[in-house]
């Protein structure tokens, strides 16, 4: 199957792949697919929504013209095309024509709690990290999603972010706007310093061991969808929202792209869509 024009956009990312990979003995690049697929976990999803009982549920909101325009402003104009090959500046150029079309698609998706299956595909570019280039485990990934999927994700994020923030634990610093590891350290010192000055006993977790230690990016991969949906229920999302999220998360396909060639896709059995706003929001709920 010939690759779409989108993969010309991956020239910069492909430059990161060392030429040693071309010379190594990885005759079957399907090994890369198997390697990337092996990090996921498969958990049973049957009857995932039948017993959700949120007492303070957030209903699904309809998508308006302003929602679409605001989501477009969140996309950088120079953003290259995703898996669909449509860059952001093209969408900006024809936004007046596209608004009624995609507003209808987005609202239909929300009302039927079903995410378009063609928007669940992603291109994955292998990127060498460190170690021996011949070992498939030494490769990470750069994922490129469908552009309209990202726009829809931004809209859903804006609809639910205020509600999720009101339900979040106040001491969380990861994946929170205006918070970071620095603000976490400041809060920790603000708690510890008075105790130390008053000569109280203080216990703290030891720092991470020296490398190699688990990479945070690997923590995203084994996130089980069933548990994530349960967490969304705990945050007070309605059953309709949770059903939509189930459709959004499941039956995703990733195509490994190497030298402008698409390899056989593999199904993403766990994790959140990495590189997306809604994926980050979902992981925030899971981590909180």
C-alpha atoms as a PDB file:
ATOM      1  CA  UNK A   1       0.000   0.000   0.000  1.00  0.00           C
ATOM      2  CA  UNK A   2       1.621   3.293  -1.090  1.00  0.00           C
ATOM      3  CA  UNK A   3       2.067   5.861   1.685  1.00  0.00           C
ATOM      4  CA  UNK A   4      -0.020   9.055   1.581  1.00  0.00           C
ATOM      5  CA  UNK A   5       1.711  12.411   1.003  1.00  0.00           C
ATOM      6  CA  UNK A   6       1.755  13.018   4.739  1.00  0.00           C
ATOM      7  CA  UNK A   7       4.963  11.068   5.153  1.00  0.00           C
ATOM      8  CA  UNK A   8       6.922  13.713   3.328  1.00  0.00           C
ATOM      9  CA  UNK A   9       6.232  15.709   6.501  1.00  0.00           C
ATOM     10  CA  UNK A  10       8.230  13.168   8.508  1.00  0.00           C
ATOM     11  CA  UNK A  11      11.548  13.990   6.857  1.00  0.00           C
ATOM     12  CA  UNK A  12      12.837  15.818   9.924  1.00  0.00           C
ATOM     13  CA  UNK A  13      11.815  13.025  12.279  1.00  0.00           C
ATOM     14  CA  UNK A  14      13.344  10.383  10.031  1.00  0.00           C
ATOM     15  CA  UNK A  15      16.653  12.229  10.120  1.00  0.00           C
ATOM     16  CA  UNK A  16      16.846  11.211  13.778  1.00  0.00           C
ATOM     17  CA  UNK A  17      16.948   7.543  12.822  1.00  0.00           C
ATOM     18  CA  UNK A  18      20.630   6.495  12.555  1.00  0.00           C
ATOM     19  CA  UNK A  19      21.934   5.033   9.336  1.00  0.00           C
ATOM     20  CA  UNK A  20      23.219   2.116  11.401  1.00  0.00           C
ATOM     21  CA  UNK A  21      19.674   0.817  11.440  1.00  0.00           C
ATOM     22  CA  UNK A  22      19.844   0.390   7.687  1.00  0.00           C
ATOM     23  CA  UNK A  23      22.975  -1.694   8.038  1.00  0.00           C
ATOM     24  CA  UNK A  24      21.895  -3.883  10.937  1.00  0.00           C
ATOM     25  CA  UNK A  25      20.307  -7.306  10.697  1.00  0.00           C
ATOM     26  CA  UNK A  26      16.713  -6.213  11.263  1.00  0.00           C
ATOM     27  CA  UNK A  27      15.546  -7.795   8.028  1.00  0.00           C
ATOM     28  CA  UNK A  28      11.964  -7.984   9.248  1.00  0.00           C
ATOM     29  CA  UNK A  29      10.845  -4.522  10.313  1.00  0.00           C
ATOM     30  CA  UNK A  30       7.749  -6.182  11.681  1.00  0.00           C
ATOM     31  CA  UNK A  31       9.917  -6.777  14.754  1.00  0.00           C
ATOM     32  CA  UNK A  32       9.603  -3.064  15.469  1.00  0.00           C
ATOM     33  CA  UNK A  33       5.815  -3.336  15.352  1.00  0.00           C
ATOM     34  CA  UNK A  34       5.937  -6.298  17.712  1.00  0.00           C
ATOM     35  CA  UNK A  35       8.274  -4.424  20.043  1.00  0.00           C
ATOM     36  CA  UNK A  36       6.122  -1.304  20.197  1.00  0.00           C
ATOM     37  CA  UNK A  37       2.989  -3.401  20.632  1.00  0.00           C
ATOM     38  CA  UNK A  38       4.498  -5.454  23.470  1.00  0.00           C
ATOM     39  CA  UNK A  39       4.427  -2.515  25.922  1.00  0.00           C
ATOM     40  CA  UNK A  40       0.632  -2.436  25.996  1.00  0.00           C
ATOM     41  CA  UNK A  41      -1.593  -4.375  28.343  1.00  0.00           C
ATOM     42  CA  UNK A  42      -4.904  -5.975  27.437  1.00  0.00           C
ATOM     43  CA  UNK A  43      -7.605  -5.829  30.104  1.00  0.00           C
ATOM     44  CA  UNK A  44     -11.160  -7.104  29.841  1.00  0.00           C
ATOM     45  CA  UNK A  45     -13.608  -4.358  28.866  1.00  0.00           C
ATOM     46  CA  UNK A  46     -16.924  -6.211  29.103  1.00  0.00           C
ATOM     47  CA  UNK A  47     -19.782  -4.395  30.856  1.00  0.00           C
ATOM     48  CA  UNK A  48     -17.489  -1.455  31.472  1.00  0.00           C
ATOM     49  CA  UNK A  49     -20.300   1.109  31.663  1.00  0.00           C
ATOM     50  CA  UNK A  50     -23.272  -0.764  33.074  1.00  0.00           C
ATOM     51  CA  UNK A  51     -22.631  -0.060  36.738  1.00  0.00           C
ATOM     52  CA  UNK A  52     -21.365   3.506  36.636  1.00  0.00           C
ATOM     53  CA  UNK A  53     -23.275   5.564  39.181  1.00  0.00           C
ATOM     54  CA  UNK A  54     -21.965   9.121  39.175  1.00  0.00           C
ATOM     55  CA  UNK A  55     -24.164  11.209  41.464  1.00  0.00           C
ATOM     56  CA  UNK A  56     -22.795  14.480  40.044  1.00  0.00           C
ATOM     57  CA  UNK A  57     -22.422  13.649  36.371  1.00  0.00           C
ATOM     58  CA  UNK A  58     -21.348  16.058  33.642  1.00  0.00           C
ATOM     59  CA  UNK A  59     -23.585  15.697  30.548  1.00  0.00           C
ATOM     60  CA  UNK A  60     -22.251  15.775  27.005  1.00  0.00           C
ATOM     61  CA  UNK A  61     -22.271  19.308  25.557  1.00  0.00           C
ATOM     62  CA  UNK A  62     -22.941  20.128  21.917  1.00  0.00           C
ATOM     63  CA  UNK A  63     -20.213  21.608  19.722  1.00  0.00           C
ATOM     64  CA  UNK A  64     -20.670  25.197  18.531  1.00  0.00           C
ATOM     65  CA  UNK A  65     -18.985  27.316  15.868  1.00  0.00           C
ATOM     66  CA  UNK A  66     -16.950  29.101  18.529  1.00  0.00           C
ATOM     67  CA  UNK A  67     -15.743  25.751  19.922  1.00  0.00           C
ATOM     68  CA  UNK A  68     -14.313  24.848  16.525  1.00  0.00           C
ATOM     69  CA  UNK A  69     -12.696  28.277  16.063  1.00  0.00           C
ATOM     70  CA  UNK A  70     -11.171  28.250  19.557  1.00  0.00           C
ATOM     71  CA  UNK A  71      -9.765  24.761  18.953  1.00  0.00           C
ATOM     72  CA  UNK A  72      -8.250  25.973  15.685  1.00  0.00           C
ATOM     73  CA  UNK A  73      -6.503  28.803  17.540  1.00  0.00           C
ATOM     74  CA  UNK A  74      -4.877  26.182  19.771  1.00  0.00           C
ATOM     75  CA  UNK A  75      -3.232  24.561  16.741  1.00  0.00           C
ATOM     76  CA  UNK A  76      -0.025  26.222  15.659  1.00  0.00           C
ATOM     77  CA  UNK A  77      -0.337  27.498  12.045  1.00  0.00           C
ATOM     78  CA  UNK A  78       2.958  25.857  11.131  1.00  0.00           C
ATOM     79  CA  UNK A  79       1.833  22.468  12.438  1.00  0.00           C
ATOM     80  CA  UNK A  80       2.384  19.853   9.754  1.00  0.00           C
ATOM     81  CA  UNK A  81      -0.252  17.378   8.698  1.00  0.00           C
ATOM     82  CA  UNK A  82      -1.017  14.406  10.866  1.00  0.00           C
ATOM     83  CA  UNK A  83      -1.875  10.943   9.652  1.00  0.00           C
ATOM     84  CA  UNK A  84      -4.509  12.456   7.331  1.00  0.00           C
ATOM     85  CA  UNK A  85      -1.903  14.665   5.630  1.00  0.00           C
ATOM     86  CA  UNK A  86      -3.853  17.900   6.211  1.00  0.00           C
ATOM     87  CA  UNK A  87      -1.710  20.676   7.772  1.00  0.00           C
ATOM     88  CA  UNK A  88      -3.215  23.299  10.054  1.00  0.00           C
ATOM     89  CA  UNK A  89      -2.822  26.190   7.610  1.00  0.00           C
ATOM     90  CA  UNK A  90      -5.065  24.400   5.086  1.00  0.00           C
ATOM     91  CA  UNK A  91      -7.823  24.068   7.686  1.00  0.00           C
ATOM     92  CA  UNK A  92      -7.382  27.731   8.639  1.00  0.00           C
ATOM     93  CA  UNK A  93      -7.696  28.757   5.010  1.00  0.00           C
ATOM     94  CA  UNK A  94     -11.055  26.973   4.561  1.00  0.00           C
ATOM     95  CA  UNK A  95     -12.391  27.263   8.091  1.00  0.00           C
ATOM     96  CA  UNK A  96     -15.649  28.956   7.009  1.00  0.00           C
ATOM     97  CA  UNK A  97     -16.444  26.000   4.753  1.00  0.00           C
ATOM     98  CA  UNK A  98     -15.333  23.343   7.219  1.00  0.00           C
ATOM     99  CA  UNK A  99     -17.157  24.617  10.321  1.00  0.00           C
ATOM    100  CA  UNK A 100     -20.698  23.411   9.438  1.00  0.00           C
ATOM    101  CA  UNK A 101     -19.393  20.096   8.103  1.00  0.00           C
ATOM    102  CA  UNK A 102     -17.260  19.158  11.085  1.00  0.00           C
ATOM    103  CA  UNK A 103     -19.640  20.652  13.623  1.00  0.00           C
ATOM    104  CA  UNK A 104     -22.191  18.167  12.295  1.00  0.00           C
ATOM    105  CA  UNK A 105     -19.661  15.298  12.514  1.00  0.00           C
ATOM    106  CA  UNK A 106     -18.566  16.249  16.023  1.00  0.00           C
ATOM    107  CA  UNK A 107     -22.129  16.564  17.317  1.00  0.00           C
ATOM    108  CA  UNK A 108     -23.102  13.275  15.672  1.00  0.00           C
ATOM    109  CA  UNK A 109     -20.124  11.601  17.334  1.00  0.00           C
ATOM    110  CA  UNK A 110     -21.115  13.062  20.716  1.00  0.00           C
ATOM    111  CA  UNK A 111     -24.778  12.117  20.437  1.00  0.00           C
ATOM    112  CA  UNK A 112     -24.005   8.543  19.343  1.00  0.00           C
ATOM    113  CA  UNK A 113     -21.047   8.216  21.759  1.00  0.00           C
ATOM    114  CA  UNK A 114     -18.906   6.885  18.908  1.00  0.00           C
ATOM    115  CA  UNK A 115     -15.564   8.232  17.739  1.00  0.00           C
ATOM    116  CA  UNK A 116     -14.877   8.016  13.953  1.00  0.00           C
ATOM    117  CA  UNK A 117     -12.777   4.919  13.378  1.00  0.00           C
ATOM    118  CA  UNK A 118     -10.688   6.501  10.608  1.00  0.00           C
ATOM    119  CA  UNK A 119      -9.565   9.157  13.080  1.00  0.00           C
ATOM    120  CA  UNK A 120      -8.137   6.494  15.405  1.00  0.00           C
ATOM    121  CA  UNK A 121      -5.157   5.756  13.166  1.00  0.00           C
ATOM    122  CA  UNK A 122      -1.708   7.154  13.853  1.00  0.00           C
ATOM    123  CA  UNK A 123       1.683   7.088  12.193  1.00  0.00           C
ATOM    124  CA  UNK A 124       4.552   6.023  14.450  1.00  0.00           C
ATOM    125  CA  UNK A 125       8.135   6.901  13.520  1.00  0.00           C
ATOM    126  CA  UNK A 126      10.874   4.880  15.283  1.00  0.00           C
ATOM    127  CA  UNK A 127      13.503   7.107  16.883  1.00  0.00           C
ATOM    128  CA  UNK A 128      16.800   5.771  18.179  1.00  0.00           C
ATOM    129  CA  UNK A 129      17.363   6.548  21.868  1.00  0.00           C
ATOM    130  CA  UNK A 130      20.655   5.026  23.011  1.00  0.00           C
ATOM    131  CA  UNK A 131      22.647   1.829  23.077  1.00  0.00           C
ATOM    132  CA  UNK A 132      23.079  -0.542  20.154  1.00  0.00           C
ATOM    133  CA  UNK A 133      21.173   0.434  17.027  1.00  0.00           C
ATOM    134  CA  UNK A 134      20.578  -3.226  16.148  1.00  0.00           C
ATOM    135  CA  UNK A 135      18.400  -3.784  19.252  1.00  0.00           C
ATOM    136  CA  UNK A 136      14.762  -2.932  18.700  1.00  0.00           C
ATOM    137  CA  UNK A 137      14.236  -2.143  22.391  1.00  0.00           C
ATOM    138  CA  UNK A 138      16.493   0.913  21.994  1.00  0.00           C
ATOM    139  CA  UNK A 139      13.942   2.729  19.841  1.00  0.00           C
ATOM    140  CA  UNK A 140      11.250   5.110  20.973  1.00  0.00           C
ATOM    141  CA  UNK A 141       8.414   6.524  18.909  1.00  0.00           C
ATOM    142  CA  UNK A 142       7.110   9.818  17.570  1.00  0.00           C
ATOM    143  CA  UNK A 143       3.367   9.574  17.026  1.00  0.00           C
ATOM    144  CA  UNK A 144       1.373  11.650  14.544  1.00  0.00           C
ATOM    145  CA  UNK A 145      -2.400  11.721  14.936  1.00  0.00           C
ATOM    146  CA  UNK A 146      -5.209  12.768  12.654  1.00  0.00           C
ATOM    147  CA  UNK A 147      -5.533  16.573  12.602  1.00  0.00           C
ATOM    148  CA  UNK A 148      -9.313  16.635  12.994  1.00  0.00           C
ATOM    149  CA  UNK A 149      -9.002  14.129  15.821  1.00  0.00           C
ATOM    150  CA  UNK A 150      -6.771  16.627  17.622  1.00  0.00           C
ATOM    151  CA  UNK A 151      -9.267  19.446  17.017  1.00  0.00           C
ATOM    152  CA  UNK A 152     -12.105  17.325  18.408  1.00  0.00           C
ATOM    153  CA  UNK A 153      -9.937  16.382  21.379  1.00  0.00           C
ATOM    154  CA  UNK A 154      -9.251  20.043  22.151  1.00  0.00           C
ATOM    155  CA  UNK A 155     -12.994  20.782  22.078  1.00  0.00           C
ATOM    156  CA  UNK A 156     -13.803  17.923  24.461  1.00  0.00           C
ATOM    157  CA  UNK A 157     -10.940  19.021  26.715  1.00  0.00           C
ATOM    158  CA  UNK A 158     -12.396  22.531  26.928  1.00  0.00           C
ATOM    159  CA  UNK A 159     -15.833  21.107  27.741  1.00  0.00           C
ATOM    160  CA  UNK A 160     -14.659  18.932  30.634  1.00  0.00           C
ATOM    161  CA  UNK A 161     -11.476  20.602  31.938  1.00  0.00           C
ATOM    162  CA  UNK A 162     -13.199  22.959  34.405  1.00  0.00           C
ATOM    163  CA  UNK A 163     -15.259  20.093  35.840  1.00  0.00           C
ATOM    164  CA  UNK A 164     -12.207  17.838  36.140  1.00  0.00           C
ATOM    165  CA  UNK A 165     -10.203  20.608  37.798  1.00  0.00           C
ATOM    166  CA  UNK A 166     -12.892  21.076  40.444  1.00  0.00           C
ATOM    167  CA  UNK A 167     -12.701  17.336  41.232  1.00  0.00           C
ATOM    168  CA  UNK A 168      -8.897  17.044  41.208  1.00  0.00           C
ATOM    169  CA  UNK A 169      -6.760  16.722  44.294  1.00  0.00           C
ATOM    170  CA  UNK A 170      -5.230  20.124  45.116  1.00  0.00           C
ATOM    171  CA  UNK A 171      -1.760  18.714  45.782  1.00  0.00           C
ATOM    172  CA  UNK A 172      -1.223  17.318  42.284  1.00  0.00           C
ATOM    173  CA  UNK A 173       1.346  19.202  40.189  1.00  0.00           C
ATOM    174  CA  UNK A 174       1.761  16.911  37.171  1.00  0.00           C
ATOM    175  CA  UNK A 175      -0.368  17.740  34.100  1.00  0.00           C
ATOM    176  CA  UNK A 176      -1.785  20.874  35.754  1.00  0.00           C
ATOM    177  CA  UNK A 177      -1.604  24.263  34.045  1.00  0.00           C
ATOM    178  CA  UNK A 178       0.803  26.691  35.782  1.00  0.00           C
ATOM    179  CA  UNK A 179       2.200  23.824  37.882  1.00  0.00           C
ATOM    180  CA  UNK A 180       5.361  21.804  37.404  1.00  0.00           C
ATOM    181  CA  UNK A 181       8.107  19.909  39.207  1.00  0.00           C
ATOM    182  CA  UNK A 182       9.365  23.307  40.430  1.00  0.00           C
ATOM    183  CA  UNK A 183       6.048  24.211  42.084  1.00  0.00           C
ATOM    184  CA  UNK A 184       5.971  20.721  43.587  1.00  0.00           C
ATOM    185  CA  UNK A 185       9.420  21.315  45.103  1.00  0.00           C
ATOM    186  CA  UNK A 186       8.370  24.713  46.465  1.00  0.00           C
ATOM    187  CA  UNK A 187       5.290  23.175  48.098  1.00  0.00           C
ATOM    188  CA  UNK A 188       7.431  20.384  49.565  1.00  0.00           C
ATOM    189  CA  UNK A 189       9.952  22.843  51.031  1.00  0.00           C
ATOM    190  CA  UNK A 190       7.152  25.030  52.372  1.00  0.00           C
ATOM    191  CA  UNK A 191       5.938  21.991  54.305  1.00  0.00           C
ATOM    192  CA  UNK A 192       9.318  20.620  55.404  1.00  0.00           C
ATOM    193  CA  UNK A 193      11.279  23.735  56.424  1.00  0.00           C
ATOM    194  CA  UNK A 194       9.033  24.750  59.372  1.00  0.00           C
ATOM    195  CA  UNK A 195       9.130  21.166  60.653  1.00  0.00           C
ATOM    196  CA  UNK A 196      12.912  21.032  60.456  1.00  0.00           C
ATOM    197  CA  UNK A 197      13.271  24.390  62.214  1.00  0.00           C
ATOM    198  CA  UNK A 198      11.045  23.175  65.028  1.00  0.00           C
ATOM    199  CA  UNK A 199      13.175  19.989  65.265  1.00  0.00           C
ATOM    200  CA  UNK A 200      10.318  17.635  64.351  1.00  0.00           C
ATOM    201  CA  UNK A 201      10.944  14.245  62.843  1.00  0.00           C
ATOM    202  CA  UNK A 202      10.436  14.271  59.036  1.00  0.00           C
ATOM    203  CA  UNK A 203      10.266  11.298  56.672  1.00  0.00           C
ATOM    204  CA  UNK A 204      10.540  11.630  52.907  1.00  0.00           C
ATOM    205  CA  UNK A 205      10.752   9.215  50.014  1.00  0.00           C
ATOM    206  CA  UNK A 206      14.288   8.671  48.687  1.00  0.00           C
ATOM    207  CA  UNK A 207      15.221  10.080  45.282  1.00  0.00           C
ATOM    208  CA  UNK A 208      15.087   7.970  42.156  1.00  0.00           C
ATOM    209  CA  UNK A 209      17.951   5.514  41.752  1.00  0.00           C
ATOM    210  CA  UNK A 210      20.626   6.328  39.205  1.00  0.00           C
ATOM    211  CA  UNK A 211      19.939   5.407  35.567  1.00  0.00           C
ATOM    212  CA  UNK A 212      18.696   3.170  34.230  1.00  0.00           C
ATOM    213  CA  UNK A 213      15.372   3.918  35.913  1.00  0.00           C
ATOM    214  CA  UNK A 214      11.854   3.660  34.447  1.00  0.00           C
ATOM    215  CA  UNK A 215      11.136   6.348  31.886  1.00  0.00           C
ATOM    216  CA  UNK A 216       7.976   8.363  32.495  1.00  0.00           C
ATOM    217  CA  UNK A 217       6.941   7.946  28.858  1.00  0.00           C
ATOM    218  CA  UNK A 218       6.736   4.185  29.472  1.00  0.00           C
ATOM    219  CA  UNK A 219       4.194   4.834  32.222  1.00  0.00           C
ATOM    220  CA  UNK A 220       1.685   6.016  29.621  1.00  0.00           C
ATOM    221  CA  UNK A 221       1.702   2.770  27.647  1.00  0.00           C
ATOM    222  CA  UNK A 222       0.306   0.231  30.144  1.00  0.00           C
ATOM    223  CA  UNK A 223      -2.599   2.455  31.305  1.00  0.00           C
ATOM    224  CA  UNK A 224      -5.578   0.016  31.226  1.00  0.00           C
ATOM    225  CA  UNK A 225      -8.645   1.465  29.542  1.00  0.00           C
ATOM    226  CA  UNK A 226     -11.097  -0.163  31.965  1.00  0.00           C
ATOM    227  CA  UNK A 227      -9.424   1.436  34.984  1.00  0.00           C
ATOM    228  CA  UNK A 228      -9.144   4.802  33.210  1.00  0.00           C
ATOM    229  CA  UNK A 229     -12.880   4.755  32.453  1.00  0.00           C
ATOM    230  CA  UNK A 230     -13.564   3.917  36.083  1.00  0.00           C
ATOM    231  CA  UNK A 231     -11.507   6.946  37.102  1.00  0.00           C
ATOM    232  CA  UNK A 232     -13.489   9.155  34.710  1.00  0.00           C
ATOM    233  CA  UNK A 233     -16.639   7.903  36.431  1.00  0.00           C
ATOM    234  CA  UNK A 234     -15.114   8.854  39.782  1.00  0.00           C
ATOM    235  CA  UNK A 235     -14.537  12.354  38.389  1.00  0.00           C
ATOM    236  CA  UNK A 236     -18.257  12.644  37.695  1.00  0.00           C
ATOM    237  CA  UNK A 237     -18.486  12.313  33.915  1.00  0.00           C
ATOM    238  CA  UNK A 238     -21.827  11.069  32.631  1.00  0.00           C
ATOM    239  CA  UNK A 239     -22.324   7.572  31.236  1.00  0.00           C
ATOM    240  CA  UNK A 240     -22.632   9.116  27.757  1.00  0.00           C
ATOM    241  CA  UNK A 241     -19.205  10.756  28.130  1.00  0.00           C
ATOM    242  CA  UNK A 242     -17.651   7.542  29.414  1.00  0.00           C
ATOM    243  CA  UNK A 243     -19.119   5.571  26.529  1.00  0.00           C
ATOM    244  CA  UNK A 244     -17.677   8.145  24.132  1.00  0.00           C
ATOM    245  CA  UNK A 245     -14.280   7.873  25.824  1.00  0.00           C
ATOM    246  CA  UNK A 246     -14.452   4.098  25.488  1.00  0.00           C
ATOM    247  CA  UNK A 247     -14.928   4.514  21.748  1.00  0.00           C
ATOM    248  CA  UNK A 248     -12.167   7.140  21.644  1.00  0.00           C
ATOM    249  CA  UNK A 249      -9.620   4.933  23.405  1.00  0.00           C
ATOM    250  CA  UNK A 250     -10.291   1.499  21.919  1.00  0.00           C
ATOM    251  CA  UNK A 251      -9.607  -0.079  18.520  1.00  0.00           C
ATOM    252  CA  UNK A 252      -6.810   2.342  17.721  1.00  0.00           C
ATOM    253  CA  UNK A 253      -4.276   1.376  15.072  1.00  0.00           C
ATOM    254  CA  UNK A 254      -0.680   2.533  14.794  1.00  0.00           C
ATOM    255  CA  UNK A 255       1.283   2.234  11.555  1.00  0.00           C
ATOM    256  CA  UNK A 256       5.066   2.171  11.876  1.00  0.00           C
ATOM    257  CA  UNK A 257       6.444   4.490   9.214  1.00  0.00           C
ATOM    258  CA  UNK A 258      10.026   3.949   8.109  1.00  0.00           C
ATOM    259  CA  UNK A 259      11.639   5.582   5.074  1.00  0.00           C
ATOM    260  CA  UNK A 260       8.216   6.746   3.828  1.00  0.00           C
ATOM    261  CA  UNK A 261       6.882   3.176   3.976  1.00  0.00           C
ATOM    262  CA  UNK A 262       3.907   2.055   6.043  1.00  0.00           C
ATOM    263  CA  UNK A 263       4.332  -1.243   7.829  1.00  0.00           C
ATOM    264  CA  UNK A 264       1.527  -3.526   8.932  1.00  0.00           C
ATOM    265  CA  UNK A 265      -0.520  -1.752  11.652  1.00  0.00           C
ATOM    266  CA  UNK A 266      -0.844  -3.022  15.188  1.00  0.00           C
ATOM    267  CA  UNK A 267      -3.683  -2.413  17.631  1.00  0.00           C
ATOM    268  CA  UNK A 268      -3.061  -0.187  20.652  1.00  0.00           C
ATOM    269  CA  UNK A 269      -4.509  -2.252  23.502  1.00  0.00           C
ATOM    270  CA  UNK A 270      -3.865   0.223  26.313  1.00  0.00           C
ATOM    271  CA  UNK A 271      -2.416   3.702  26.858  1.00  0.00           C
ATOM    272  CA  UNK A 272      -3.841   7.108  25.975  1.00  0.00           C
ATOM    273  CA  UNK A 273      -3.306   8.802  22.584  1.00  0.00           C
ATOM    274  CA  UNK A 274       0.126  10.291  23.103  1.00  0.00           C
ATOM    275  CA  UNK A 275       0.765  13.718  21.648  1.00  0.00           C
ATOM    276  CA  UNK A 276      -2.874  14.767  22.046  1.00  0.00           C
ATOM    277  CA  UNK A 277      -4.446  17.247  24.459  1.00  0.00           C
ATOM    278  CA  UNK A 278      -7.201  14.831  25.400  1.00  0.00           C
ATOM    279  CA  UNK A 279      -4.658  12.073  25.981  1.00  0.00           C
ATOM    280  CA  UNK A 280      -2.890  14.266  28.527  1.00  0.00           C
ATOM    281  CA  UNK A 281      -6.215  15.122  30.167  1.00  0.00           C
ATOM    282  CA  UNK A 282      -7.105  11.432  30.405  1.00  0.00           C
ATOM    283  CA  UNK A 283      -3.780  10.539  31.983  1.00  0.00           C
ATOM    284  CA  UNK A 284      -4.198  13.381  34.469  1.00  0.00           C
ATOM    285  CA  UNK A 285      -7.460  11.786  35.617  1.00  0.00           C
ATOM    286  CA  UNK A 286      -5.799   8.381  35.824  1.00  0.00           C
ATOM    287  CA  UNK A 287      -2.831   9.741  37.799  1.00  0.00           C
ATOM    288  CA  UNK A 288      -4.801  11.995  40.154  1.00  0.00           C
END
